Amino acid sequence: MYPTKCCTKCKETKEITLFSRNKRNKDSLSYYCKACESAMRKAYIEKHGDELDLYYAMKAKTPKGKFAAWRRHIRQSYGLTVKDYEMLFTRQKGCCAGCGIHQSKLKHKLGINKTKQGRIRGLACKSCALGLNGFKDSCILLERAWHFLKNN
């Protein structure tokens, strides 16, 4: 006879072979029996199926998933829609606001560059964005660096 455990969902006492392993718990077993876990998983999928599909699409390496993740990123991080990004891109003629190189000649998409206060400067390549952020929005530091380059 196997040791037993009580399922916290159905309140039935069952053999421990009917519980999944869970290393986080003291006894290394799940709180719920396998039958209850299965039923809960099915109910969750029925209720949240569309959200799960979107989640897995975003995680996938598909173009649709990458685009969905990028769209969510610019909305959450910058408050922009895809239309807003396209307007910035068109206004800058597809070029980096810092160095003027066209996106077609770059490895990555032009990124959104903003100030510490949250104002969007424009679209910049990775090198320009790192440079601008490195000067901490300070024209004085940028001018010093320009003089350094000019004199050396």
C-alpha atoms as a PDB file:
ATOM      1  CA  MET A   1       0.000   0.000   0.000  1.00  0.00           C
ATOM      2  CA  TYR A   2       1.304   3.453  -1.028  1.00  0.00           C
ATOM      3  CA  PRO A   3       1.362   6.521   1.226  1.00  0.00           C
ATOM      4  CA  THR A   4      -1.587   8.870   0.726  1.00  0.00           C
ATOM      5  CA  LYS A   5      -2.207  12.598   0.427  1.00  0.00           C
ATOM      6  CA  CYS A   6      -5.317  14.772   0.414  1.00  0.00           C
ATOM      7  CA  CYS A   7      -6.051  16.816  -2.751  1.00  0.00           C
ATOM      8  CA  THR A   8      -6.818  20.437  -1.821  1.00  0.00           C
ATOM      9  CA  LYS A   9      -9.247  20.760  -4.752  1.00  0.00           C
ATOM     10  CA  CYS A  10     -11.487  17.677  -4.544  1.00  0.00           C
ATOM     11  CA  LYS A  11     -10.694  16.997  -0.836  1.00  0.00           C
ATOM     12  CA  GLU A  12     -10.219  13.284  -1.525  1.00  0.00           C
ATOM     13  CA  THR A  13      -7.388  11.275  -0.016  1.00  0.00           C
ATOM     14  CA  LYS A  14      -5.494   9.460  -2.762  1.00  0.00           C
ATOM     15  CA  GLU A  15      -2.272   7.527  -3.236  1.00  0.00           C
ATOM     16  CA  ILE A  16       0.738   9.763  -3.839  1.00  0.00           C
ATOM     17  CA  THR A  17       1.236   8.158  -7.271  1.00  0.00           C
ATOM     18  CA  LEU A  18      -1.851  10.138  -8.350  1.00  0.00           C
ATOM     19  CA  PHE A  19      -0.090  13.489  -7.673  1.00  0.00           C
ATOM     20  CA  SER A  20       2.366  15.246  -9.982  1.00  0.00           C
ATOM     21  CA  ARG A  21       5.839  16.174  -8.740  1.00  0.00           C
ATOM     22  CA  ASN A  22       6.460  19.741  -7.597  1.00  0.00           C
ATOM     23  CA  LYS A  23       9.909  20.373  -6.116  1.00  0.00           C
ATOM     24  CA  ARG A  24       8.801  23.679  -4.573  1.00  0.00           C
ATOM     25  CA  ASN A  25       6.518  21.965  -2.078  1.00  0.00           C
ATOM     26  CA  LYS A  26       7.835  20.350   1.107  1.00  0.00           C
ATOM     27  CA  ASP A  27       6.743  16.868   0.084  1.00  0.00           C
ATOM     28  CA  SER A  28       7.793  17.464  -3.574  1.00  0.00           C
ATOM     29  CA  LEU A  29       4.245  16.769  -4.730  1.00  0.00           C
ATOM     30  CA  SER A  30       1.554  18.983  -6.219  1.00  0.00           C
ATOM     31  CA  TYR A  31      -1.281  20.260  -4.036  1.00  0.00           C
ATOM     32  CA  TYR A  32      -3.810  18.856  -6.510  1.00  0.00           C
ATOM     33  CA  CYS A  33      -4.264  15.320  -7.812  1.00  0.00           C
ATOM     34  CA  LYS A  34      -3.577  14.717 -11.512  1.00  0.00           C
ATOM     35  CA  ALA A  35      -7.307  14.517 -12.333  1.00  0.00           C
ATOM     36  CA  CYS A  36      -8.030  17.903 -10.718  1.00  0.00           C
ATOM     37  CA  GLU A  37      -4.974  19.494 -12.369  1.00  0.00           C
ATOM     38  CA  SER A  38      -6.132  18.236 -15.745  1.00  0.00           C
ATOM     39  CA  ALA A  39      -9.666  19.575 -15.214  1.00  0.00           C
ATOM     40  CA  MET A  40      -8.328  22.974 -14.035  1.00  0.00           C
ATOM     41  CA  ARG A  41      -5.975  23.181 -17.048  1.00  0.00           C
ATOM     42  CA  LYS A  42      -8.827  22.419 -19.485  1.00  0.00           C
ATOM     43  CA  ALA A  43     -11.071  25.030 -17.846  1.00  0.00           C
ATOM     44  CA  TYR A  44      -8.316  27.641 -18.018  1.00  0.00           C
ATOM     45  CA  ILE A  45      -7.670  26.933 -21.703  1.00  0.00           C
ATOM     46  CA  GLU A  46     -11.387  27.213 -22.485  1.00  0.00           C
ATOM     47  CA  LYS A  47     -11.601  30.555 -20.684  1.00  0.00           C
ATOM     48  CA  HIS A  48      -8.290  32.101 -21.853  1.00  0.00           C
ATOM     49  CA  GLY A  49      -7.651  30.271 -25.144  1.00  0.00           C
ATOM     50  CA  ASP A  50      -7.384  33.423 -27.315  1.00  0.00           C
ATOM     51  CA  GLU A  51      -4.953  35.089 -24.912  1.00  0.00           C
ATOM     52  CA  LEU A  52      -2.817  31.948 -24.810  1.00  0.00           C
ATOM     53  CA  ASP A  53      -2.742  31.768 -28.615  1.00  0.00           C
ATOM     54  CA  LEU A  54      -1.521  35.381 -28.768  1.00  0.00           C
ATOM     55  CA  TYR A  55       1.042  34.729 -26.034  1.00  0.00           C
ATOM     56  CA  TYR A  56       2.494  31.730 -27.833  1.00  0.00           C
ATOM     57  CA  ALA A  57       2.403  33.544 -31.178  1.00  0.00           C
ATOM     58  CA  MET A  58       4.433  36.397 -29.670  1.00  0.00           C
ATOM     59  CA  LYS A  59       6.947  33.993 -28.189  1.00  0.00           C
ATOM     60  CA  ALA A  60       7.300  32.154 -31.467  1.00  0.00           C
ATOM     61  CA  LYS A  61       9.970  33.083 -33.944  1.00  0.00           C
ATOM     62  CA  THR A  62       7.338  33.749 -36.605  1.00  0.00           C
ATOM     63  CA  PRO A  63       7.084  37.173 -38.269  1.00  0.00           C
ATOM     64  CA  LYS A  64       3.551  37.516 -36.866  1.00  0.00           C
ATOM     65  CA  GLY A  65       4.808  36.816 -33.344  1.00  0.00           C
ATOM     66  CA  LYS A  66       7.745  39.204 -33.672  1.00  0.00           C
ATOM     67  CA  PHE A  67       5.493  41.972 -35.010  1.00  0.00           C
ATOM     68  CA  ALA A  68       2.973  41.479 -32.189  1.00  0.00           C
ATOM     69  CA  ALA A  69       5.757  41.671 -29.587  1.00  0.00           C
ATOM     70  CA  TRP A  70       7.249  44.805 -31.200  1.00  0.00           C
ATOM     71  CA  ARG A  71       3.817  46.469 -31.421  1.00  0.00           C
ATOM     72  CA  ARG A  72       3.170  45.755 -27.737  1.00  0.00           C
ATOM     73  CA  HIS A  73       6.657  47.041 -26.822  1.00  0.00           C
ATOM     74  CA  ILE A  74       6.254  50.424 -28.560  1.00  0.00           C
ATOM     75  CA  ARG A  75       2.772  50.847 -27.084  1.00  0.00           C
ATOM     76  CA  GLN A  76       3.825  50.023 -23.511  1.00  0.00           C
ATOM     77  CA  SER A  77       7.250  51.689 -23.528  1.00  0.00           C
ATOM     78  CA  TYR A  78       6.582  54.787 -25.622  1.00  0.00           C
ATOM     79  CA  GLY A  79       2.794  55.124 -25.908  1.00  0.00           C
ATOM     80  CA  LEU A  80       3.021  54.896 -29.706  1.00  0.00           C
ATOM     81  CA  THR A  81       0.958  52.992 -32.211  1.00  0.00           C
ATOM     82  CA  VAL A  82       2.339  51.434 -35.379  1.00  0.00           C
ATOM     83  CA  LYS A  83       0.830  54.395 -37.274  1.00  0.00           C
ATOM     84  CA  ASP A  84       2.783  56.842 -35.057  1.00  0.00           C
ATOM     85  CA  TYR A  85       6.008  54.928 -35.736  1.00  0.00           C
ATOM     86  CA  GLU A  86       5.315  54.968 -39.470  1.00  0.00           C
ATOM     87  CA  MET A  87       4.730  58.750 -39.340  1.00  0.00           C
ATOM     88  CA  LEU A  88       8.110  59.263 -37.614  1.00  0.00           C
ATOM     89  CA  PHE A  89       9.743  56.950 -40.143  1.00  0.00           C
ATOM     90  CA  THR A  90       8.218  58.852 -43.077  1.00  0.00           C
ATOM     91  CA  ARG A  91       9.101  62.260 -41.583  1.00  0.00           C
ATOM     92  CA  GLN A  92      12.740  61.145 -41.260  1.00  0.00           C
ATOM     93  CA  LYS A  93      12.643  59.546 -44.757  1.00  0.00           C
ATOM     94  CA  GLY A  94      13.670  56.207 -43.240  1.00  0.00           C
ATOM     95  CA  CYS A  95      16.968  57.575 -41.948  1.00  0.00           C
ATOM     96  CA  CYS A  96      18.511  57.744 -38.489  1.00  0.00           C
ATOM     97  CA  ALA A  97      17.995  61.164 -36.877  1.00  0.00           C
ATOM     98  CA  GLY A  98      21.600  61.126 -35.632  1.00  0.00           C
ATOM     99  CA  CYS A  99      23.827  59.927 -38.457  1.00  0.00           C
ATOM    100  CA  GLY A 100      21.441  59.999 -41.430  1.00  0.00           C
ATOM    101  CA  ILE A 101      22.061  56.389 -42.494  1.00  0.00           C
ATOM    102  CA  HIS A 102      19.006  54.778 -44.123  1.00  0.00           C
ATOM    103  CA  GLN A 103      17.432  51.818 -42.329  1.00  0.00           C
ATOM    104  CA  SER A 104      17.977  49.552 -45.345  1.00  0.00           C
ATOM    105  CA  LYS A 105      21.734  49.796 -44.695  1.00  0.00           C
ATOM    106  CA  LEU A 106      21.362  48.940 -40.994  1.00  0.00           C
ATOM    107  CA  LYS A 107      21.226  45.528 -39.350  1.00  0.00           C
ATOM    108  CA  HIS A 108      18.288  46.432 -37.041  1.00  0.00           C
ATOM    109  CA  LYS A 109      15.179  48.591 -37.210  1.00  0.00           C
ATOM    110  CA  LEU A 110      15.511  52.220 -36.242  1.00  0.00           C
ATOM    111  CA  GLY A 111      14.722  52.463 -32.540  1.00  0.00           C
ATOM    112  CA  ILE A 112      12.663  55.098 -30.796  1.00  0.00           C
ATOM    113  CA  ASN A 113      14.870  57.492 -28.877  1.00  0.00           C
ATOM    114  CA  LYS A 114      13.465  59.579 -26.047  1.00  0.00           C
ATOM    115  CA  THR A 115      14.731  62.016 -23.431  1.00  0.00           C
ATOM    116  CA  LYS A 116      14.866  61.337 -19.698  1.00  0.00           C
ATOM    117  CA  GLN A 117      11.657  63.354 -19.399  1.00  0.00           C
ATOM    118  CA  GLY A 118       9.947  60.963 -21.821  1.00  0.00           C
ATOM    119  CA  ARG A 119       9.747  63.259 -24.877  1.00  0.00           C
ATOM    120  CA  ILE A 120      10.371  61.354 -28.101  1.00  0.00           C
ATOM    121  CA  ARG A 121      13.331  62.725 -30.049  1.00  0.00           C
ATOM    122  CA  GLY A 122      12.876  60.567 -33.123  1.00  0.00           C
ATOM    123  CA  LEU A 123      14.151  57.345 -34.603  1.00  0.00           C
ATOM    124  CA  ALA A 124      17.829  56.489 -34.204  1.00  0.00           C
ATOM    125  CA  CYS A 125      20.115  53.601 -35.082  1.00  0.00           C
ATOM    126  CA  LYS A 126      21.595  51.547 -32.271  1.00  0.00           C
ATOM    127  CA  SER A 127      24.958  53.364 -32.330  1.00  0.00           C
ATOM    128  CA  CYS A 128      23.427  56.841 -32.177  1.00  0.00           C
ATOM    129  CA  ALA A 129      20.952  55.820 -29.468  1.00  0.00           C
ATOM    130  CA  LEU A 130      23.772  54.415 -27.316  1.00  0.00           C
ATOM    131  CA  GLY A 131      25.821  57.554 -27.905  1.00  0.00           C
ATOM    132  CA  LEU A 132      22.998  59.952 -27.048  1.00  0.00           C
ATOM    133  CA  ASN A 133      22.049  57.991 -23.962  1.00  0.00           C
ATOM    134  CA  GLY A 134      25.726  57.872 -22.934  1.00  0.00           C
ATOM    135  CA  PHE A 135      25.838  61.685 -22.880  1.00  0.00           C
ATOM    136  CA  LYS A 136      22.866  61.683 -20.455  1.00  0.00           C
ATOM    137  CA  ASP A 137      20.857  64.304 -22.408  1.00  0.00           C
ATOM    138  CA  SER A 138      23.611  66.843 -21.701  1.00  0.00           C
ATOM    139  CA  CYS A 139      24.629  69.222 -24.488  1.00  0.00           C
ATOM    140  CA  ILE A 140      27.674  70.192 -22.401  1.00  0.00           C
ATOM    141  CA  LEU A 141      28.978  66.603 -22.335  1.00  0.00           C
ATOM    142  CA  LEU A 142      28.258  66.228 -26.036  1.00  0.00           C
ATOM    143  CA  GLU A 143      30.097  69.470 -26.830  1.00  0.00           C
ATOM    144  CA  ARG A 144      33.111  68.328 -24.773  1.00  0.00           C
ATOM    145  CA  ALA A 145      33.186  65.070 -26.716  1.00  0.00           C
ATOM    146  CA  TRP A 146      32.987  67.024 -30.005  1.00  0.00           C
ATOM    147  CA  HIS A 147      35.943  69.198 -28.977  1.00  0.00           C
ATOM    148  CA  PHE A 148      37.849  66.052 -27.913  1.00  0.00           C
ATOM    149  CA  LEU A 149      37.297  64.495 -31.359  1.00  0.00           C
ATOM    150  CA  LYS A 150      38.116  67.715 -33.160  1.00  0.00           C
ATOM    151  CA  ASN A 151      41.414  68.257 -31.307  1.00  0.00           C
ATOM    152  CA  ASN A 152      42.661  64.658 -31.444  1.00  0.00           C
END
